[in-house]
């Protein structure tokens, strides 16, 4: 991507979507599965396979976890995780690492 385009995107204000294909081990079926976020900012909505799992309003730079096992399609090898957030004033986005965990 050209540097001029990166500078242009740094000034973006609006809704941003982050999507990732994730694999959940089949051995986790029947257990509570969570995605842990180190920090997501500005009115985040967490979706798994198109189903809303949780809404996190306002600035949420603090760590949180969202239970996702109700949205897992166990017959599929990969799941689609999407985070929607408002990128207003250069503050929105997935700011810290995220990972799956099981209980």
PDB file of N, CA and C in Angstrom:
ATOM      1  N   UNK A   1       0.850  -1.168   0.000  1.00  0.00           N
ATOM      2  CA  UNK A   1       0.000   0.000   0.000  1.00  0.00           C
ATOM      3  C   UNK A   1       0.898   1.234   0.000  1.00  0.00           C
ATOM      4  N   UNK A   2       0.612   2.193  -0.867  1.00  0.00           N
ATOM      5  CA  UNK A   2       1.433   3.396  -0.915  1.00  0.00           C
ATOM      6  C   UNK A   2       1.344   4.192   0.394  1.00  0.00           C
ATOM      7  N   UNK A   3       2.437   4.850   0.740  1.00  0.00           N
ATOM      8  CA  UNK A   3       2.488   5.638   1.962  1.00  0.00           C
ATOM      9  C   UNK A   3       1.412   6.716   1.983  1.00  0.00           C
ATOM     10  N   UNK A   4       1.106   7.307   0.845  1.00  0.00           N
ATOM     11  CA  UNK A   4       0.069   8.342   0.800  1.00  0.00           C
ATOM     12  C   UNK A   4      -1.287   7.778   1.212  1.00  0.00           C
ATOM     13  N   UNK A   5      -1.559   6.534   0.852  1.00  0.00           N
ATOM     14  CA  UNK A   5      -2.831   5.892   1.225  1.00  0.00           C
ATOM     15  C   UNK A   5      -2.866   5.609   2.725  1.00  0.00           C
ATOM     16  N   UNK A   6      -1.731   5.212   3.304  1.00  0.00           N
ATOM     17  CA  UNK A   6      -1.667   4.959   4.740  1.00  0.00           C
ATOM     18  C   UNK A   6      -1.932   6.253   5.504  1.00  0.00           C
ATOM     19  N   UNK A   7      -1.328   7.346   5.079  1.00  0.00           N
ATOM     20  CA  UNK A   7      -1.575   8.646   5.732  1.00  0.00           C
ATOM     21  C   UNK A   7      -3.039   9.029   5.640  1.00  0.00           C
ATOM     22  N   UNK A   8      -3.655   8.775   4.506  1.00  0.00           N
ATOM     23  CA  UNK A   8      -5.066   9.081   4.314  1.00  0.00           C
ATOM     24  C   UNK A   8      -5.933   8.265   5.276  1.00  0.00           C
ATOM     25  N   UNK A   9      -5.619   6.975   5.437  1.00  0.00           N
ATOM     26  CA  UNK A   9      -6.387   6.117   6.329  1.00  0.00           C
ATOM     27  C   UNK A   9      -6.211   6.506   7.791  1.00  0.00           C
ATOM     28  N   UNK A  10      -5.061   7.069   8.148  1.00  0.00           N
ATOM     29  CA  UNK A  10      -4.833   7.495   9.528  1.00  0.00           C
ATOM     30  C   UNK A  10      -5.787   8.615   9.931  1.00  0.00           C
ATOM     31  N   UNK A  11      -6.319   9.332   8.951  1.00  0.00           N
ATOM     32  CA  UNK A  11      -7.259  10.426   9.219  1.00  0.00           C
ATOM     33  C   UNK A  11      -8.714   9.960   9.151  1.00  0.00           C
ATOM     34  N   UNK A  12      -8.932   8.673   8.953  1.00  0.00           N
ATOM     35  CA  UNK A  12     -10.283   8.138   8.791  1.00  0.00           C
ATOM     36  C   UNK A  12     -11.102   8.281  10.069  1.00  0.00           C
ATOM     37  N   UNK A  13     -12.330   8.727   9.922  1.00  0.00           N
ATOM     38  CA  UNK A  13     -13.289   8.790  11.021  1.00  0.00           C
ATOM     39  C   UNK A  13     -14.565   8.122  10.549  1.00  0.00           C
ATOM     40  N   UNK A  14     -14.949   7.043  11.203  1.00  0.00           N
ATOM     41  CA  UNK A  14     -16.154   6.323  10.821  1.00  0.00           C
ATOM     42  C   UNK A  14     -16.148   4.929  11.402  1.00  0.00           C
ATOM     43  N   UNK A  15     -16.959   4.073  10.841  1.00  0.00           N
ATOM     44  CA  UNK A  15     -17.071   2.697  11.312  1.00  0.00           C
ATOM     45  C   UNK A  15     -15.952   1.862  10.696  1.00  0.00           C
ATOM     46  N   UNK A  16     -15.348   1.015  11.532  1.00  0.00           N
ATOM     47  CA  UNK A  16     -14.299   0.117  11.063  1.00  0.00           C
ATOM     48  C   UNK A  16     -14.683  -1.319  11.411  1.00  0.00           C
ATOM     49  N   UNK A  17     -14.340  -2.238  10.525  1.00  0.00           N
ATOM     50  CA  UNK A  17     -14.587  -3.657  10.748  1.00  0.00           C
ATOM     51  C   UNK A  17     -13.261  -4.404  10.697  1.00  0.00           C
ATOM     52  N   UNK A  18     -13.071  -5.285  11.654  1.00  0.00           N
ATOM     53  CA  UNK A  18     -11.911  -6.163  11.693  1.00  0.00           C
ATOM     54  C   UNK A  18     -12.451  -7.581  11.615  1.00  0.00           C
ATOM     55  N   UNK A  19     -12.014  -8.347  10.631  1.00  0.00           N
ATOM     56  CA  UNK A  19     -12.521  -9.706  10.448  1.00  0.00           C
ATOM     57  C   UNK A  19     -11.360 -10.696  10.427  1.00  0.00           C
ATOM     58  N   UNK A  20     -11.624 -11.860  11.001  1.00  0.00           N
ATOM     59  CA  UNK A  20     -10.594 -12.889  11.092  1.00  0.00           C
ATOM     60  C   UNK A  20     -11.254 -14.262  11.073  1.00  0.00           C
ATOM     61  N   UNK A  21     -10.692 -15.168  10.300  1.00  0.00           N
ATOM     62  CA  UNK A  21     -11.138 -16.563  10.336  1.00  0.00           C
ATOM     63  C   UNK A  21     -10.385 -17.249  11.467  1.00  0.00           C
ATOM     64  N   UNK A  22     -11.112 -17.875  12.370  1.00  0.00           N
ATOM     65  CA  UNK A  22     -10.490 -18.554  13.506  1.00  0.00           C
ATOM     66  C   UNK A  22     -10.907 -20.023  13.521  1.00  0.00           C
ATOM     67  N   UNK A  23     -10.014 -20.836  14.030  1.00  0.00           N
ATOM     68  CA  UNK A  23     -10.290 -22.263  14.183  1.00  0.00           C
ATOM     69  C   UNK A  23     -10.443 -22.557  15.668  1.00  0.00           C
ATOM     70  N   UNK A  24     -11.565 -23.153  16.029  1.00  0.00           N
ATOM     71  CA  UNK A  24     -11.821 -23.542  17.412  1.00  0.00           C
ATOM     72  C   UNK A  24     -11.659 -25.061  17.489  1.00  0.00           C
ATOM     73  N   UNK A  25     -10.781 -25.559  18.337  1.00  0.00           N
ATOM     74  CA  UNK A  25     -10.584 -27.016  18.417  1.00  0.00           C
ATOM     75  C   UNK A  25     -11.888 -27.753  18.731  1.00  0.00           C
ATOM     76  N   UNK A  26     -12.137 -28.840  18.037  1.00  0.00           N
ATOM     77  CA  UNK A  26     -13.368 -29.612  18.266  1.00  0.00           C
ATOM     78  C   UNK A  26     -13.422 -30.173  19.684  1.00  0.00           C
ATOM     79  N   UNK A  27     -12.272 -30.319  20.318  1.00  0.00           N
ATOM     80  CA  UNK A  27     -12.254 -30.812  21.702  1.00  0.00           C
ATOM     81  C   UNK A  27     -12.867 -29.807  22.683  1.00  0.00           C
ATOM     82  N   UNK A  28     -13.088 -28.575  22.233  1.00  0.00           N
ATOM     83  CA  UNK A  28     -13.708 -27.554  23.081  1.00  0.00           C
ATOM     84  C   UNK A  28     -15.232 -27.605  23.039  1.00  0.00           C
ATOM     85  N   UNK A  29     -15.801 -28.424  22.172  1.00  0.00           N
ATOM     86  CA  UNK A  29     -17.256 -28.494  22.062  1.00  0.00           C
ATOM     87  C   UNK A  29     -17.856 -28.899  23.405  1.00  0.00           C
ATOM     88  N   UNK A  30     -18.925 -28.207  23.804  1.00  0.00           N
ATOM     89  CA  UNK A  30     -19.584 -28.469  25.084  1.00  0.00           C
ATOM     90  C   UNK A  30     -19.007 -27.646  26.225  1.00  0.00           C
ATOM     91  N   UNK A  31     -17.993 -26.848  25.942  1.00  0.00           N
ATOM     92  CA  UNK A  31     -17.374 -25.996  26.958  1.00  0.00           C
ATOM     93  C   UNK A  31     -17.631 -24.528  26.620  1.00  0.00           C
ATOM     94  N   UNK A  32     -17.409 -23.654  27.586  1.00  0.00           N
ATOM     95  CA  UNK A  32     -17.551 -22.223  27.354  1.00  0.00           C
ATOM     96  C   UNK A  32     -16.298 -21.712  26.638  1.00  0.00           C
ATOM     97  N   UNK A  33     -16.499 -21.077  25.491  1.00  0.00           N
ATOM     98  CA  UNK A  33     -15.397 -20.549  24.691  1.00  0.00           C
ATOM     99  C   UNK A  33     -15.523 -19.026  24.668  1.00  0.00           C
ATOM    100  N   UNK A  34     -14.400 -18.372  24.910  1.00  0.00           N
ATOM    101  CA  UNK A  34     -14.363 -16.920  24.965  1.00  0.00           C
ATOM    102  C   UNK A  34     -13.299 -16.387  24.022  1.00  0.00           C
ATOM    103  N   UNK A  35     -13.512 -15.174  23.543  1.00  0.00           N
ATOM    104  CA  UNK A  35     -12.437 -14.428  22.907  1.00  0.00           C
ATOM    105  C   UNK A  35     -12.086 -13.316  23.882  1.00  0.00           C
ATOM    106  N   UNK A  36     -10.813 -13.232  24.203  1.00  0.00           N
ATOM    107  CA  UNK A  36     -10.306 -12.253  25.147  1.00  0.00           C
ATOM    108  C   UNK A  36      -9.674 -11.113  24.355  1.00  0.00           C
ATOM    109  N   UNK A  37     -10.070  -9.895  24.669  1.00  0.00           N
ATOM    110  CA  UNK A  37      -9.523  -8.712  24.014  1.00  0.00           C
ATOM    111  C   UNK A  37      -8.722  -7.909  25.023  1.00  0.00           C
ATOM    112  N   UNK A  38      -7.520  -7.528  24.648  1.00  0.00           N
ATOM    113  CA  UNK A  38      -6.712  -6.675  25.505  1.00  0.00           C
ATOM    114  C   UNK A  38      -7.223  -5.245  25.520  1.00  0.00           C
ATOM    115  N   UNK A  39      -7.944  -4.846  24.484  1.00  0.00           N
ATOM    116  CA  UNK A  39      -8.530  -3.518  24.426  1.00  0.00           C
ATOM    117  C   UNK A  39      -9.126  -3.225  23.064  1.00  0.00           C
ATOM    118  N   UNK A  40     -10.378  -2.797  23.055  1.00  0.00           N
ATOM    119  CA  UNK A  40     -11.080  -2.384  21.845  1.00  0.00           C
ATOM    120  C   UNK A  40     -11.766  -1.068  22.180  1.00  0.00           C
ATOM    121  N   UNK A  41     -11.715  -0.126  21.268  1.00  0.00           N
ATOM    122  CA  UNK A  41     -12.235   1.203  21.583  1.00  0.00           C
ATOM    123  C   UNK A  41     -13.435   1.584  20.723  1.00  0.00           C
ATOM    124  N   UNK A  42     -14.268   2.325  21.350  1.00  0.00           N
ATOM    125  CA  UNK A  42     -15.394   3.038  20.749  1.00  0.00           C
ATOM    126  C   UNK A  42     -16.521   2.132  20.256  1.00  0.00           C
ATOM    127  N   UNK A  43     -17.450   1.876  21.122  1.00  0.00           N
ATOM    128  CA  UNK A  43     -18.704   1.199  20.762  1.00  0.00           C
ATOM    129  C   UNK A  43     -18.500  -0.085  19.965  1.00  0.00           C
ATOM    130  N   UNK A  44     -17.772  -1.017  20.539  1.00  0.00           N
ATOM    131  CA  UNK A  44     -17.461  -2.267  19.854  1.00  0.00           C
ATOM    132  C   UNK A  44     -18.658  -3.219  19.847  1.00  0.00           C
ATOM    133  N   UNK A  45     -18.808  -3.919  18.749  1.00  0.00           N
ATOM    134  CA  UNK A  45     -19.770  -5.014  18.622  1.00  0.00           C
ATOM    135  C   UNK A  45     -18.983  -6.231  18.151  1.00  0.00           C
ATOM    136  N   UNK A  46     -19.190  -7.356  18.846  1.00  0.00           N
ATOM    137  CA  UNK A  46     -18.465  -8.579  18.543  1.00  0.00           C
ATOM    138  C   UNK A  46     -19.439  -9.560  17.897  1.00  0.00           C
ATOM    139  N   UNK A  47     -19.096 -10.052  16.707  1.00  0.00           N
ATOM    140  CA  UNK A  47     -19.920 -11.001  15.970  1.00  0.00           C
ATOM    141  C   UNK A  47     -19.137 -12.288  15.748  1.00  0.00           C
ATOM    142  N   UNK A  48     -19.847 -13.402  15.768  1.00  0.00           N
ATOM    143  CA  UNK A  48     -19.267 -14.666  15.345  1.00  0.00           C
ATOM    144  C   UNK A  48     -20.233 -15.296  14.354  1.00  0.00           C
ATOM    145  N   UNK A  49     -19.730 -15.564  13.163  1.00  0.00           N
ATOM    146  CA  UNK A  49     -20.549 -16.151  12.087  1.00  0.00           C
ATOM    147  C   UNK A  49     -21.820 -15.349  11.843  1.00  0.00           C
ATOM    148  N   UNK A  50     -21.701 -14.029  11.927  1.00  0.00           N
ATOM    149  CA  UNK A  50     -22.829 -13.144  11.644  1.00  0.00           C
ATOM    150  C   UNK A  50     -23.781 -12.924  12.802  1.00  0.00           C
ATOM    151  N   UNK A  51     -23.556 -13.583  13.931  1.00  0.00           N
ATOM    152  CA  UNK A  51     -24.434 -13.459  15.097  1.00  0.00           C
ATOM    153  C   UNK A  51     -23.781 -12.537  16.129  1.00  0.00           C
ATOM    154  N   UNK A  52     -24.538 -11.540  16.584  1.00  0.00           N
ATOM    155  CA  UNK A  52     -24.025 -10.609  17.586  1.00  0.00           C
ATOM    156  C   UNK A  52     -23.820 -11.338  18.907  1.00  0.00           C
ATOM    157  N   UNK A  53     -22.589 -11.306  19.409  1.00  0.00           N
ATOM    158  CA  UNK A  53     -22.254 -11.957  20.671  1.00  0.00           C
ATOM    159  C   UNK A  53     -22.285 -10.974  21.839  1.00  0.00           C
ATOM    160  N   UNK A  54     -21.860  -9.723  21.587  1.00  0.00           N
ATOM    161  CA  UNK A  54     -21.836  -8.730  22.666  1.00  0.00           C
ATOM    162  C   UNK A  54     -21.636  -7.332  22.092  1.00  0.00           C
ATOM    163  N   UNK A  55     -22.171  -6.349  22.807  1.00  0.00           N
ATOM    164  CA  UNK A  55     -21.918  -4.946  22.508  1.00  0.00           C
ATOM    165  C   UNK A  55     -21.167  -4.340  23.680  1.00  0.00           C
ATOM    166  N   UNK A  56     -20.136  -3.572  23.376  1.00  0.00           N
ATOM    167  CA  UNK A  56     -19.323  -2.901  24.400  1.00  0.00           C
ATOM    168  C   UNK A  56     -19.348  -1.408  24.095  1.00  0.00           C
ATOM    169  N   UNK A  57     -20.253  -0.655  24.707  1.00  0.00           N
ATOM    170  CA  UNK A  57     -20.360   0.772  24.384  1.00  0.00           C
ATOM    171  C   UNK A  57     -19.221   1.593  24.980  1.00  0.00           C
ATOM    172  N   UNK A  58     -19.045   2.764  24.386  1.00  0.00           N
ATOM    173  CA  UNK A  58     -18.096   3.770  24.860  1.00  0.00           C
ATOM    174  C   UNK A  58     -16.652   3.313  24.675  1.00  0.00           C
ATOM    175  N   UNK A  59     -15.751   3.970  25.350  1.00  0.00           N
ATOM    176  CA  UNK A  59     -14.332   3.608  25.264  1.00  0.00           C
ATOM    177  C   UNK A  59     -14.086   2.392  26.134  1.00  0.00           C
ATOM    178  N   UNK A  60     -13.574   1.357  25.546  1.00  0.00           N
ATOM    179  CA  UNK A  60     -13.315   0.137  26.310  1.00  0.00           C
ATOM    180  C   UNK A  60     -11.872  -0.304  26.073  1.00  0.00           C
ATOM    181  N   UNK A  61     -10.955   0.524  26.493  1.00  0.00           N
ATOM    182  CA  UNK A  61      -9.543   0.184  26.342  1.00  0.00           C
ATOM    183  C   UNK A  61      -9.110  -0.880  27.337  1.00  0.00           C
ATOM    184  N   UNK A  62      -9.950  -1.143  28.320  1.00  0.00           N
ATOM    185  CA  UNK A  62      -9.600  -2.134  29.331  1.00  0.00           C
ATOM    186  C   UNK A  62      -9.869  -3.539  28.786  1.00  0.00           C
ATOM    187  N   UNK A  63      -9.168  -4.539  29.272  1.00  0.00           N
ATOM    188  CA  UNK A  63      -9.384  -5.912  28.799  1.00  0.00           C
ATOM    189  C   UNK A  63     -10.800  -6.410  29.117  1.00  0.00           C
ATOM    190  N   UNK A  64     -11.314  -7.253  28.242  1.00  0.00           N
ATOM    191  CA  UNK A  64     -12.605  -7.897  28.463  1.00  0.00           C
ATOM    192  C   UNK A  64     -12.661  -9.180  27.650  1.00  0.00           C
ATOM    193  N   UNK A  65     -13.590 -10.043  28.004  1.00  0.00           N
ATOM    194  CA  UNK A  65     -13.798 -11.274  27.243  1.00  0.00           C
ATOM    195  C   UNK A  65     -15.255 -11.377  26.852  1.00  0.00           C
ATOM    196  N   UNK A  66     -15.502 -12.025  25.740  1.00  0.00           N
ATOM    197  CA  UNK A  66     -16.844 -12.224  25.204  1.00  0.00           C
ATOM    198  C   UNK A  66     -17.050 -13.709  24.958  1.00  0.00           C
ATOM    199  N   UNK A  67     -18.120 -14.241  25.503  1.00  0.00           N
ATOM    200  CA  UNK A  67     -18.430 -15.649  25.283  1.00  0.00           C
ATOM    201  C   UNK A  67     -18.935 -15.837  23.854  1.00  0.00           C
ATOM    202  N   UNK A  68     -18.341 -16.797  23.144  1.00  0.00           N
ATOM    203  CA  UNK A  68     -18.701 -16.991  21.734  1.00  0.00           C
ATOM    204  C   UNK A  68     -19.224 -18.383  21.411  1.00  0.00           C
ATOM    205  N   UNK A  69     -19.176 -19.318  22.362  1.00  0.00           N
ATOM    206  CA  UNK A  69     -19.589 -20.691  22.014  1.00  0.00           C
ATOM    207  C   UNK A  69     -21.029 -20.789  21.517  1.00  0.00           C
ATOM    208  N   UNK A  70     -21.975 -19.917  21.939  1.00  0.00           N
ATOM    209  CA  UNK A  70     -23.320 -20.025  21.358  1.00  0.00           C
ATOM    210  C   UNK A  70     -23.361 -19.764  19.847  1.00  0.00           C
ATOM    211  N   UNK A  71     -22.343 -19.086  19.310  1.00  0.00           N
ATOM    212  CA  UNK A  71     -22.320 -18.797  17.879  1.00  0.00           C
ATOM    213  C   UNK A  71     -21.438 -19.720  17.064  1.00  0.00           C
ATOM    214  N   UNK A  72     -20.755 -20.651  17.705  1.00  0.00           N
ATOM    215  CA  UNK A  72     -19.848 -21.548  16.980  1.00  0.00           C
ATOM    216  C   UNK A  72     -20.644 -22.562  16.162  1.00  0.00           C
ATOM    217  N   UNK A  73     -20.232 -22.751  14.931  1.00  0.00           N
ATOM    218  CA  UNK A  73     -20.798 -23.783  14.059  1.00  0.00           C
ATOM    219  C   UNK A  73     -19.805 -24.948  14.076  1.00  0.00           C
ATOM    220  N   UNK A  74     -20.094 -25.911  14.897  1.00  0.00           N
ATOM    221  CA  UNK A  74     -19.151 -27.012  15.121  1.00  0.00           C
ATOM    222  C   UNK A  74     -18.946 -27.877  13.896  1.00  0.00           C
ATOM    223  N   UNK A  75     -19.850 -27.796  12.934  1.00  0.00           N
ATOM    224  CA  UNK A  75     -19.697 -28.573  11.704  1.00  0.00           C
ATOM    225  C   UNK A  75     -18.775 -27.881  10.700  1.00  0.00           C
ATOM    226  N   UNK A  76     -18.292 -26.676  11.021  1.00  0.00           N
ATOM    227  CA  UNK A  76     -17.394 -25.941  10.147  1.00  0.00           C
ATOM    228  C   UNK A  76     -15.997 -25.877  10.764  1.00  0.00           C
ATOM    229  N   UNK A  77     -14.992 -25.992   9.929  1.00  0.00           N
ATOM    230  CA  UNK A  77     -13.613 -25.951  10.421  1.00  0.00           C
ATOM    231  C   UNK A  77     -13.231 -24.554  10.893  1.00  0.00           C
ATOM    232  N   UNK A  78     -13.709 -23.517  10.200  1.00  0.00           N
ATOM    233  CA  UNK A  78     -13.364 -22.152  10.565  1.00  0.00           C
ATOM    234  C   UNK A  78     -14.594 -21.334  10.901  1.00  0.00           C
ATOM    235  N   UNK A  79     -14.403 -20.422  11.834  1.00  0.00           N
ATOM    236  CA  UNK A  79     -15.445 -19.502  12.262  1.00  0.00           C
ATOM    237  C   UNK A  79     -15.024 -18.100  11.832  1.00  0.00           C
ATOM    238  N   UNK A  80     -15.981 -17.230  11.580  1.00  0.00           N
ATOM    239  CA  UNK A  80     -15.670 -15.858  11.193  1.00  0.00           C
ATOM    240  C   UNK A  80     -15.950 -14.927  12.360  1.00  0.00           C
ATOM    241  N   UNK A  81     -14.898 -14.333  12.888  1.00  0.00           N
ATOM    242  CA  UNK A  81     -14.986 -13.385  13.991  1.00  0.00           C
ATOM    243  C   UNK A  81     -14.877 -11.974  13.420  1.00  0.00           C
ATOM    244  N   UNK A  82     -15.841 -11.120  13.750  1.00  0.00           N
ATOM    245  CA  UNK A  82     -15.838  -9.741  13.263  1.00  0.00           C
ATOM    246  C   UNK A  82     -16.013  -8.812  14.455  1.00  0.00           C
ATOM    247  N   UNK A  83     -15.183  -7.781  14.487  1.00  0.00           N
ATOM    248  CA  UNK A  83     -15.306  -6.718  15.482  1.00  0.00           C
ATOM    249  C   UNK A  83     -15.638  -5.440  14.730  1.00  0.00           C
ATOM    250  N   UNK A  84     -16.736  -4.813  15.118  1.00  0.00           N
ATOM    251  CA  UNK A  84     -17.144  -3.532  14.538  1.00  0.00           C
ATOM    252  C   UNK A  84     -16.918  -2.475  15.601  1.00  0.00           C
ATOM    253  N   UNK A  85     -16.299  -1.374  15.238  1.00  0.00           N
ATOM    254  CA  UNK A  85     -16.115  -0.285  16.196  1.00  0.00           C
ATOM    255  C   UNK A  85     -16.112   1.044  15.468  1.00  0.00           C
ATOM    256  N   UNK A  86     -16.390   2.090  16.219  1.00  0.00           N
ATOM    257  CA  UNK A  86     -16.380   3.439  15.671  1.00  0.00           C
ATOM    258  C   UNK A  86     -14.976   4.005  15.790  1.00  0.00           C
ATOM    259  N   UNK A  87     -14.432   4.415  14.677  1.00  0.00           N
ATOM    260  CA  UNK A  87     -13.102   5.003  14.655  1.00  0.00           C
ATOM    261  C   UNK A  87     -13.265   6.510  14.538  1.00  0.00           C
ATOM    262  N   UNK A  88     -13.585   7.133  15.646  1.00  0.00           N
ATOM    263  CA  UNK A  88     -13.803   8.579  15.665  1.00  0.00           C
ATOM    264  C   UNK A  88     -12.650   9.257  16.380  1.00  0.00           C
ATOM    265  N   UNK A  89     -12.083  10.248  15.735  1.00  0.00           N
ATOM    266  CA  UNK A  89     -11.001  10.995  16.358  1.00  0.00           C
ATOM    267  C   UNK A  89      -9.738  10.175  16.556  1.00  0.00           C
ATOM    268  N   UNK A  90      -9.483   9.253  15.659  1.00  0.00           N
ATOM    269  CA  UNK A  90      -8.284   8.408  15.726  1.00  0.00           C
ATOM    270  C   UNK A  90      -8.194   7.596  17.010  1.00  0.00           C
ATOM    271  N   UNK A  91      -9.309   7.265  17.610  1.00  0.00           N
ATOM    272  CA  UNK A  91      -9.289   6.513  18.862  1.00  0.00           C
ATOM    273  C   UNK A  91      -9.879   5.118  18.744  1.00  0.00           C
ATOM    274  N   UNK A  92     -10.555   4.821  17.659  1.00  0.00           N
ATOM    275  CA  UNK A  92     -11.220   3.529  17.548  1.00  0.00           C
ATOM    276  C   UNK A  92     -10.299   2.440  17.059  1.00  0.00           C
ATOM    277  N   UNK A  93     -10.682   1.201  17.348  1.00  0.00           N
ATOM    278  CA  UNK A  93      -9.923   0.082  16.827  1.00  0.00           C
ATOM    279  C   UNK A  93      -9.643  -0.988  17.853  1.00  0.00           C
ATOM    280  N   UNK A  94      -9.036  -2.063  17.379  1.00  0.00           N
ATOM    281  CA  UNK A  94      -8.586  -3.144  18.248  1.00  0.00           C
ATOM    282  C   UNK A  94      -7.156  -2.770  18.634  1.00  0.00           C
ATOM    283  N   UNK A  95      -6.968  -2.373  19.883  1.00  0.00           N
ATOM    284  CA  UNK A  95      -5.718  -1.765  20.311  1.00  0.00           C
ATOM    285  C   UNK A  95      -4.699  -2.754  20.873  1.00  0.00           C
ATOM    286  N   UNK A  96      -5.150  -3.860  21.359  1.00  0.00           N
ATOM    287  CA  UNK A  96      -4.234  -4.805  22.005  1.00  0.00           C
ATOM    288  C   UNK A  96      -4.539  -6.215  21.502  1.00  0.00           C
ATOM    289  N   UNK A  97      -3.678  -7.189  21.794  1.00  0.00           N
ATOM    290  CA  UNK A  97      -3.888  -8.554  21.291  1.00  0.00           C
ATOM    291  C   UNK A  97      -5.216  -9.165  21.746  1.00  0.00           C
ATOM    292  N   UNK A  98      -5.683 -10.090  20.928  1.00  0.00           N
ATOM    293  CA  UNK A  98      -6.891 -10.865  21.242  1.00  0.00           C
ATOM    294  C   UNK A  98      -6.559 -12.335  21.050  1.00  0.00           C
ATOM    295  N   UNK A  99      -7.215 -13.199  21.851  1.00  0.00           N
ATOM    296  CA  UNK A  99      -6.983 -14.632  21.704  1.00  0.00           C
ATOM    297  C   UNK A  99      -8.180 -15.413  22.229  1.00  0.00           C
ATOM    298  N   UNK A 100      -8.263 -16.686  21.844  1.00  0.00           N
ATOM    299  CA  UNK A 100      -9.334 -17.571  22.289  1.00  0.00           C
ATOM    300  C   UNK A 100      -8.927 -18.258  23.583  1.00  0.00           C
ATOM    301  N   UNK A 101      -9.904 -18.499  24.448  1.00  0.00           N
ATOM    302  CA  UNK A 101      -9.662 -19.271  25.661  1.00  0.00           C
ATOM    303  C   UNK A 101     -10.920 -20.082  25.956  1.00  0.00           C
ATOM    304  N   UNK A 102     -10.759 -21.094  26.777  1.00  0.00           N
ATOM    305  CA  UNK A 102     -11.852 -22.016  27.069  1.00  0.00           C
ATOM    306  C   UNK A 102     -11.941 -22.235  28.572  1.00  0.00           C
ATOM    307  N   UNK A 103     -13.153 -22.474  29.016  1.00  0.00           N
ATOM    308  CA  UNK A 103     -13.383 -22.783  30.433  1.00  0.00           C
ATOM    309  C   UNK A 103     -14.055 -24.114  30.557  1.00  0.00           C
TER     310      UNK A 103
END
